[in-house]
Amino acid sequence: MTKAELVEDVAEAAELTKKDAERLVEIVFESIIETLNQGEKIELRGFGSFRVRERGARRGRNPKTGDPVSIPAKRVPYFKPGKELKELINDPDASTRRAPEASATHAADETRQPPIL
C-alpha cells in the first residue's frame, strides 16, 4: 500500500475529503517522527510499537575496492508488531475484517463528525 492509497482508504472510511485525509495522515506521520526523534517509544496497543535503536560505530569494507571503511554510529527506527496484529495477520479470515478496536470504535459512533483540520 502506498501513501496515496492509505490517504484514499482514510478518506473513505472517515468520510473526509482526500485533502483532509492527506493532512490527517501527514499529522500522524509527523507525530511519529517527532516522538522517535525525542528518543521516546510509541505503543499502539494491539497493533505494535515504534522505537529507535542505537547502532554503534563499526568497521566495514567498501564492496567495490575491499578497502576498510569506518561506519559511524547512528539511530535506526524499527517497528515491533503486537500480539493482536500477529494473530490477525496469521488468521485465514483476517483479510475480510478489520482489527477489533477499529471496528468496535466505528460501529459504536455512527453519529461522529469528521475532524476539523
Protein backbone atom coordinates (compact mmCIF):
# COMPACT_ATOMS: atom_id res chain seq x y z
CA MET A 1 0.00 0.00 0.00
CA THR A 2 1.32 3.41 -0.92
CA LYS A 3 0.77 6.64 0.99
CA ALA A 4 -1.74 7.74 -1.68
CA GLU A 5 -3.70 4.51 -1.21
CA LEU A 6 -3.63 4.98 2.56
CA VAL A 7 -5.00 8.51 2.13
CA GLU A 8 -7.81 7.17 -0.08
CA ASP A 9 -8.70 4.50 2.49
CA VAL A 10 -8.73 7.05 5.33
CA ALA A 11 -10.83 9.48 3.27
CA GLU A 12 -13.38 6.79 2.50
CA ALA A 13 -13.52 5.26 6.00
CA ALA A 14 -13.74 8.61 7.81
CA GLU A 15 -15.88 10.30 5.15
CA LEU A 16 -13.30 13.04 4.62
CA THR A 17 -12.12 14.83 1.53
CA LYS A 18 -8.86 13.50 0.15
CA LYS A 19 -7.20 16.78 1.12
CA ASP A 20 -8.34 16.46 4.76
CA ALA A 21 -7.39 12.77 4.86
CA GLU A 22 -3.95 13.56 3.46
CA ARG A 23 -3.43 16.22 6.14
CA LEU A 24 -4.54 13.76 8.81
CA VAL A 25 -2.09 11.11 7.58
CA GLU A 26 0.69 13.75 7.47
CA ILE A 27 -0.07 14.78 11.06
CA VAL A 28 0.17 11.15 12.23
CA PHE A 29 3.47 10.63 10.40
CA GLU A 30 4.90 13.91 11.74
CA SER A 31 3.88 12.96 15.27
CA ILE A 32 5.55 9.55 14.97
CA ILE A 33 8.76 11.09 13.61
CA GLU A 34 8.85 13.82 16.27
CA THR A 35 8.30 11.34 19.09
CA LEU A 36 11.02 9.00 17.81
CA ASN A 37 13.43 11.94 17.37
CA GLN A 38 12.92 12.73 21.06
CA GLY A 39 14.03 9.19 21.88
CA GLU A 40 10.60 8.09 23.05
CA LYS A 41 8.77 4.95 22.02
CA ILE A 42 5.27 4.80 20.59
CA GLU A 43 3.00 1.99 21.78
CA LEU A 44 -0.23 1.29 19.95
CA ARG A 45 -1.92 -1.44 21.98
CA GLY A 46 -2.98 -4.36 19.84
CA PHE A 47 -1.01 -3.03 16.87
CA GLY A 48 2.64 -2.70 17.85
CA SER A 49 5.34 -0.27 18.90
CA PHE A 50 7.81 2.02 17.18
CA ARG A 51 11.22 2.51 18.80
CA VAL A 52 14.69 3.77 17.98
CA ARG A 53 17.74 1.56 18.31
CA GLU A 54 21.25 2.90 18.66
CA ARG A 55 23.79 1.29 16.37
CA GLY A 56 27.38 1.75 17.41
CA ALA A 57 30.21 2.77 15.12
CA ARG A 58 31.88 -0.14 13.38
CA ARG A 59 34.39 -1.12 10.77
CA GLY A 60 33.14 -2.20 7.38
CA ARG A 61 34.57 -2.54 3.92
CA ASN A 62 33.98 -0.95 0.58
CA PRO A 63 32.43 -3.73 -1.52
CA LYS A 64 33.92 -2.33 -4.72
CA THR A 65 37.54 -1.95 -3.56
CA GLY A 66 37.66 -4.13 -0.46
CA ASP A 67 39.24 -1.26 1.49
CA PRO A 68 38.25 -0.94 5.17
CA VAL A 69 35.92 1.96 5.98
CA SER A 70 34.64 3.45 9.21
CA ILE A 71 30.85 3.33 9.58
CA PRO A 72 29.63 5.97 12.07
CA ALA A 73 27.14 5.33 14.88
CA LYS A 74 23.52 6.00 14.01
CA ARG A 75 19.97 5.73 15.26
CA VAL A 76 17.63 3.37 13.42
CA PRO A 77 13.82 3.28 13.77
CA TYR A 78 12.13 -0.10 13.96
CA PHE A 79 8.64 -1.49 14.40
CA LYS A 80 7.73 -4.42 16.63
CA PRO A 81 4.29 -5.85 15.83
CA GLY A 82 1.92 -6.52 18.72
CA LYS A 83 0.37 -9.86 19.60
CA GLU A 84 -3.07 -8.98 18.20
CA LEU A 85 -1.61 -7.78 14.90
CA LYS A 86 0.38 -11.01 14.56
CA GLU A 87 -2.77 -13.02 15.23
CA LEU A 88 -4.79 -11.03 12.68
CA ILE A 89 -2.09 -11.47 10.04
CA ASN A 90 -1.97 -15.23 10.61
CA ASP A 91 -5.76 -15.69 10.74
CA PRO A 92 -7.06 -17.00 7.39
CA ASP A 93 -10.19 -14.84 7.74
CA ALA A 94 -8.28 -11.67 8.68
CA SER A 95 -8.30 -10.27 5.13
CA THR A 96 -12.07 -9.79 5.35
CA ARG A 97 -12.20 -7.88 8.64
CA ARG A 98 -10.54 -5.03 10.45
CA ALA A 99 -8.74 -5.01 13.78
CA PRO A 100 -11.23 -5.37 16.68
CA GLU A 101 -10.62 -1.87 18.09
CA ALA A 102 -11.16 -0.16 14.72
CA SER A 103 -14.43 -1.99 14.01
CA ALA A 104 -15.83 -1.50 17.50
CA THR A 105 -14.99 2.20 17.55
CA HIS A 106 -16.55 2.83 14.14
CA ALA A 107 -19.72 0.87 14.88
CA ALA A 108 -20.23 2.49 18.28
CA ASP A 109 -20.02 6.05 16.97
CA GLU A 110 -22.34 6.29 13.96
CA THR A 111 -23.05 9.99 14.59
CA ARG A 112 -19.44 11.15 14.73
CA GLN A 113 -18.39 14.27 12.88
CA PRO A 114 -15.26 14.48 10.69
CA PRO A 115 -12.33 16.20 12.43
CA ILE A 116 -11.75 19.86 11.69
CA LEU A 117 -8.25 20.35 10.34
